[in-house]
Amino acid sequence: MKYIVNEGKGRVRYISGGLFESNGVWIHPRQVLDDYELIICKSGNFKMSVNGQIFEIKEGDGMVLLPGEVHFGVEERTDVSFCGFHLF
């Protein structure tokens, strides 16, 4: 398990976010972000590779991606929706 401690180094800053809803067949694109991303699955499920480890994100699950982590979908899915929030 990884954890993050701010230790008074400043406030958490919201960058952007929103609701994603697939429209037909979808797979998460390959990305390497320079910020943190909080993903909360609203409906459906999908699998992602994060630094070579496979995770299945299901309805109600949450995941935090750290800066610099290579992540991408490993299976095409339909009927997926999730909220994504980008933070510094």
N, C-alpha and C. Protein backbone atom coordinates (compact mmCIF):
# COMPACT_ATOMS: atom_id res chain seq x y z
N MET A 1 0.84 -1.17 0.00
CA MET A 1 0.00 0.00 0.00
C MET A 1 0.89 1.24 0.00
N LYS A 2 0.54 2.20 -0.85
CA LYS A 2 1.23 3.48 -0.87
C LYS A 2 0.38 4.49 -0.11
N TYR A 3 1.02 5.48 0.44
CA TYR A 3 0.29 6.56 1.08
C TYR A 3 1.02 7.86 0.83
N ILE A 4 0.31 8.96 1.03
CA ILE A 4 0.85 10.29 0.77
C ILE A 4 0.65 11.13 2.03
N VAL A 5 1.70 11.80 2.47
CA VAL A 5 1.62 12.71 3.60
C VAL A 5 2.08 14.08 3.11
N ASN A 6 1.25 15.09 3.27
CA ASN A 6 1.56 16.43 2.79
C ASN A 6 2.61 17.11 3.67
N GLU A 7 2.60 16.89 4.95
CA GLU A 7 3.57 17.44 5.90
C GLU A 7 3.72 18.96 5.80
N GLY A 8 2.61 19.66 5.63
CA GLY A 8 2.64 21.12 5.63
C GLY A 8 3.32 21.76 4.44
N LYS A 9 3.46 21.03 3.34
CA LYS A 9 4.16 21.56 2.17
C LYS A 9 3.25 22.38 1.26
N GLY A 10 2.09 22.75 1.75
CA GLY A 10 1.17 23.55 0.95
C GLY A 10 -0.17 22.86 0.83
N ARG A 11 -1.08 23.56 0.24
CA ARG A 11 -2.44 23.05 0.09
C ARG A 11 -2.54 22.12 -1.12
N VAL A 12 -3.53 21.24 -1.03
CA VAL A 12 -3.88 20.44 -2.19
C VAL A 12 -4.62 21.36 -3.15
N ARG A 13 -4.20 21.37 -4.42
CA ARG A 13 -4.79 22.27 -5.40
C ARG A 13 -5.55 21.47 -6.44
N TYR A 14 -6.82 21.79 -6.61
CA TYR A 14 -7.67 21.17 -7.63
C TYR A 14 -7.32 21.76 -8.98
N ILE A 15 -7.10 20.91 -9.98
CA ILE A 15 -6.76 21.37 -11.32
C ILE A 15 -7.98 21.27 -12.23
N SER A 16 -8.53 20.07 -12.32
CA SER A 16 -9.68 19.86 -13.20
C SER A 16 -10.34 18.54 -12.83
N GLY A 17 -11.51 18.33 -13.38
CA GLY A 17 -12.19 17.08 -13.12
C GLY A 17 -13.54 17.05 -13.82
N GLY A 18 -14.15 15.89 -13.75
CA GLY A 18 -15.46 15.77 -14.38
C GLY A 18 -15.89 14.33 -14.44
N LEU A 19 -17.03 14.13 -15.06
CA LEU A 19 -17.63 12.81 -15.23
C LEU A 19 -17.35 12.31 -16.64
N PHE A 20 -16.79 11.12 -16.74
CA PHE A 20 -16.60 10.47 -18.03
C PHE A 20 -17.65 9.38 -18.17
N GLU A 21 -18.32 9.31 -19.32
CA GLU A 21 -19.27 8.25 -19.62
C GLU A 21 -18.93 7.70 -21.00
N SER A 22 -18.70 6.39 -21.08
CA SER A 22 -18.36 5.79 -22.37
C SER A 22 -19.58 5.85 -23.28
N ASN A 23 -19.30 5.97 -24.53
CA ASN A 23 -20.35 5.99 -25.55
C ASN A 23 -20.00 4.89 -26.54
N GLY A 24 -20.34 3.65 -26.20
CA GLY A 24 -19.93 2.51 -27.01
C GLY A 24 -18.67 1.89 -26.44
N VAL A 25 -17.89 1.27 -27.30
CA VAL A 25 -16.67 0.59 -26.87
C VAL A 25 -15.62 1.62 -26.49
N TRP A 26 -14.94 1.38 -25.35
CA TRP A 26 -13.95 2.34 -24.82
C TRP A 26 -12.81 1.58 -24.15
N ILE A 27 -11.62 2.16 -24.22
CA ILE A 27 -10.47 1.69 -23.45
C ILE A 27 -9.69 2.92 -22.99
N HIS A 28 -9.21 2.90 -21.74
CA HIS A 28 -8.48 4.05 -21.20
C HIS A 28 -7.17 4.21 -21.98
N PRO A 29 -6.87 5.41 -22.48
CA PRO A 29 -5.64 5.62 -23.25
C PRO A 29 -4.39 5.55 -22.35
N ARG A 30 -3.26 5.28 -22.96
CA ARG A 30 -1.99 5.27 -22.24
C ARG A 30 -1.64 6.71 -21.85
N GLN A 31 -1.29 6.91 -20.57
CA GLN A 31 -0.95 8.25 -20.08
C GLN A 31 0.13 8.17 -19.02
N VAL A 32 0.88 9.25 -18.93
CA VAL A 32 1.79 9.50 -17.81
C VAL A 32 1.53 10.96 -17.42
N LEU A 33 0.92 11.16 -16.26
CA LEU A 33 0.54 12.50 -15.84
C LEU A 33 1.57 13.10 -14.89
N ASP A 34 1.58 14.42 -14.80
CA ASP A 34 2.47 15.09 -13.85
C ASP A 34 1.71 15.57 -12.61
N ASP A 35 0.47 15.09 -12.46
CA ASP A 35 -0.34 15.44 -11.30
C ASP A 35 -0.92 14.16 -10.69
N TYR A 36 -1.66 14.31 -9.61
CA TYR A 36 -2.37 13.19 -8.99
C TYR A 36 -3.74 13.11 -9.64
N GLU A 37 -4.26 11.89 -9.79
CA GLU A 37 -5.63 11.74 -10.29
C GLU A 37 -6.39 10.80 -9.36
N LEU A 38 -7.53 11.27 -8.90
CA LEU A 38 -8.45 10.45 -8.13
C LEU A 38 -9.54 10.00 -9.07
N ILE A 39 -9.71 8.68 -9.21
CA ILE A 39 -10.75 8.10 -10.05
C ILE A 39 -11.76 7.41 -9.14
N ILE A 40 -13.03 7.71 -9.33
CA ILE A 40 -14.11 7.04 -8.60
C ILE A 40 -15.08 6.48 -9.63
N CYS A 41 -15.20 5.15 -9.65
CA CYS A 41 -16.04 4.48 -10.65
C CYS A 41 -17.51 4.60 -10.25
N LYS A 42 -18.30 5.16 -11.14
CA LYS A 42 -19.73 5.36 -10.90
C LYS A 42 -20.55 4.15 -11.35
N SER A 43 -20.20 3.59 -12.51
CA SER A 43 -20.91 2.40 -13.00
C SER A 43 -20.01 1.60 -13.93
N GLY A 44 -20.31 0.31 -14.04
CA GLY A 44 -19.51 -0.58 -14.87
C GLY A 44 -18.22 -0.96 -14.17
N ASN A 45 -17.27 -1.42 -14.97
CA ASN A 45 -15.94 -1.76 -14.45
C ASN A 45 -14.95 -1.72 -15.60
N PHE A 46 -13.68 -1.58 -15.26
CA PHE A 46 -12.63 -1.59 -16.28
C PHE A 46 -11.33 -1.99 -15.62
N LYS A 47 -10.40 -2.50 -16.44
CA LYS A 47 -9.08 -2.91 -15.94
C LYS A 47 -8.04 -1.94 -16.46
N MET A 48 -7.10 -1.60 -15.56
CA MET A 48 -6.01 -0.72 -15.93
C MET A 48 -4.68 -1.30 -15.50
N SER A 49 -3.68 -1.08 -16.31
CA SER A 49 -2.31 -1.38 -15.94
C SER A 49 -1.72 -0.09 -15.37
N VAL A 50 -1.15 -0.19 -14.16
CA VAL A 50 -0.48 0.95 -13.53
C VAL A 50 0.93 0.49 -13.19
N ASN A 51 1.91 1.03 -13.91
CA ASN A 51 3.31 0.63 -13.74
C ASN A 51 3.47 -0.88 -13.82
N GLY A 52 2.73 -1.51 -14.74
CA GLY A 52 2.85 -2.94 -14.99
C GLY A 52 2.00 -3.84 -14.11
N GLN A 53 1.28 -3.27 -13.15
CA GLN A 53 0.40 -4.06 -12.29
C GLN A 53 -1.05 -3.83 -12.73
N ILE A 54 -1.82 -4.93 -12.86
CA ILE A 54 -3.20 -4.85 -13.34
C ILE A 54 -4.17 -4.68 -12.17
N PHE A 55 -5.08 -3.71 -12.31
CA PHE A 55 -6.12 -3.46 -11.32
C PHE A 55 -7.48 -3.47 -12.01
N GLU A 56 -8.48 -4.02 -11.34
CA GLU A 56 -9.85 -3.92 -11.84
C GLU A 56 -10.58 -2.91 -10.98
N ILE A 57 -11.12 -1.89 -11.62
CA ILE A 57 -11.86 -0.85 -10.93
C ILE A 57 -13.34 -1.12 -11.18
N LYS A 58 -14.09 -1.31 -10.10
CA LYS A 58 -15.51 -1.64 -10.19
C LYS A 58 -16.35 -0.50 -9.64
N GLU A 59 -17.66 -0.57 -9.90
CA GLU A 59 -18.59 0.43 -9.39
C GLU A 59 -18.38 0.63 -7.89
N GLY A 60 -18.20 1.89 -7.49
CA GLY A 60 -17.98 2.23 -6.09
C GLY A 60 -16.52 2.26 -5.67
N ASP A 61 -15.62 1.73 -6.50
CA ASP A 61 -14.19 1.72 -6.18
C ASP A 61 -13.57 3.08 -6.46
N GLY A 62 -12.49 3.37 -5.75
CA GLY A 62 -11.69 4.55 -5.99
C GLY A 62 -10.24 4.17 -6.18
N MET A 63 -9.51 5.00 -6.89
CA MET A 63 -8.08 4.76 -7.13
C MET A 63 -7.39 6.11 -7.23
N VAL A 64 -6.19 6.21 -6.66
CA VAL A 64 -5.38 7.42 -6.80
C VAL A 64 -4.16 7.07 -7.62
N LEU A 65 -3.98 7.79 -8.71
CA LEU A 65 -2.79 7.63 -9.56
C LEU A 65 -1.79 8.73 -9.17
N LEU A 66 -0.54 8.34 -8.98
CA LEU A 66 0.51 9.27 -8.58
C LEU A 66 1.20 9.86 -9.81
N PRO A 67 1.81 11.04 -9.68
CA PRO A 67 2.53 11.61 -10.81
C PRO A 67 3.60 10.65 -11.33
N GLY A 68 3.71 10.57 -12.65
CA GLY A 68 4.75 9.76 -13.28
C GLY A 68 4.38 8.30 -13.47
N GLU A 69 3.21 7.86 -13.01
CA GLU A 69 2.83 6.45 -13.18
C GLU A 69 2.28 6.22 -14.59
N VAL A 70 2.84 5.23 -15.27
CA VAL A 70 2.36 4.84 -16.59
C VAL A 70 1.08 4.03 -16.39
N HIS A 71 -0.02 4.48 -16.98
CA HIS A 71 -1.28 3.76 -16.82
C HIS A 71 -2.07 3.75 -18.13
N PHE A 72 -2.81 2.64 -18.31
CA PHE A 72 -3.62 2.48 -19.53
C PHE A 72 -4.59 1.33 -19.33
N GLY A 73 -5.66 1.34 -20.12
CA GLY A 73 -6.64 0.26 -20.08
C GLY A 73 -6.09 -0.99 -20.74
N VAL A 74 -6.53 -2.15 -20.25
CA VAL A 74 -6.05 -3.41 -20.81
C VAL A 74 -7.16 -4.20 -21.50
N GLU A 75 -8.39 -3.74 -21.42
CA GLU A 75 -9.51 -4.38 -22.10
C GLU A 75 -10.51 -3.32 -22.55
N GLU A 76 -11.09 -3.53 -23.72
CA GLU A 76 -12.17 -2.66 -24.16
C GLU A 76 -13.41 -2.94 -23.32
N ARG A 77 -14.16 -1.90 -23.01
CA ARG A 77 -15.39 -2.01 -22.20
C ARG A 77 -16.47 -1.13 -22.80
N THR A 78 -17.71 -1.41 -22.39
CA THR A 78 -18.84 -0.54 -22.71
C THR A 78 -19.54 -0.20 -21.40
N ASP A 79 -20.36 0.80 -21.42
CA ASP A 79 -21.17 1.19 -20.26
C ASP A 79 -20.34 1.44 -19.00
N VAL A 80 -19.33 2.28 -19.13
CA VAL A 80 -18.47 2.66 -18.00
C VAL A 80 -18.65 4.15 -17.74
N SER A 81 -18.73 4.51 -16.47
CA SER A 81 -18.69 5.93 -16.12
C SER A 81 -17.87 6.09 -14.84
N PHE A 82 -17.09 7.17 -14.80
CA PHE A 82 -16.30 7.45 -13.60
C PHE A 82 -16.04 8.94 -13.50
N CYS A 83 -15.80 9.39 -12.28
CA CYS A 83 -15.39 10.76 -12.03
C CYS A 83 -13.87 10.76 -11.91
N GLY A 84 -13.25 11.73 -12.53
CA GLY A 84 -11.80 11.88 -12.42
C GLY A 84 -11.47 13.27 -11.95
N PHE A 85 -10.61 13.37 -10.94
CA PHE A 85 -10.22 14.66 -10.38
C PHE A 85 -8.70 14.77 -10.40
N HIS A 86 -8.18 15.82 -11.01
CA HIS A 86 -6.74 16.04 -11.09
C HIS A 86 -6.34 17.06 -10.02
N LEU A 87 -5.27 16.72 -9.28
CA LEU A 87 -4.85 17.52 -8.13
C LEU A 87 -3.33 17.70 -8.10
N PHE A 88 -2.89 18.82 -7.55
CA PHE A 88 -1.47 19.02 -7.21
C PHE A 88 -1.37 19.11 -5.71
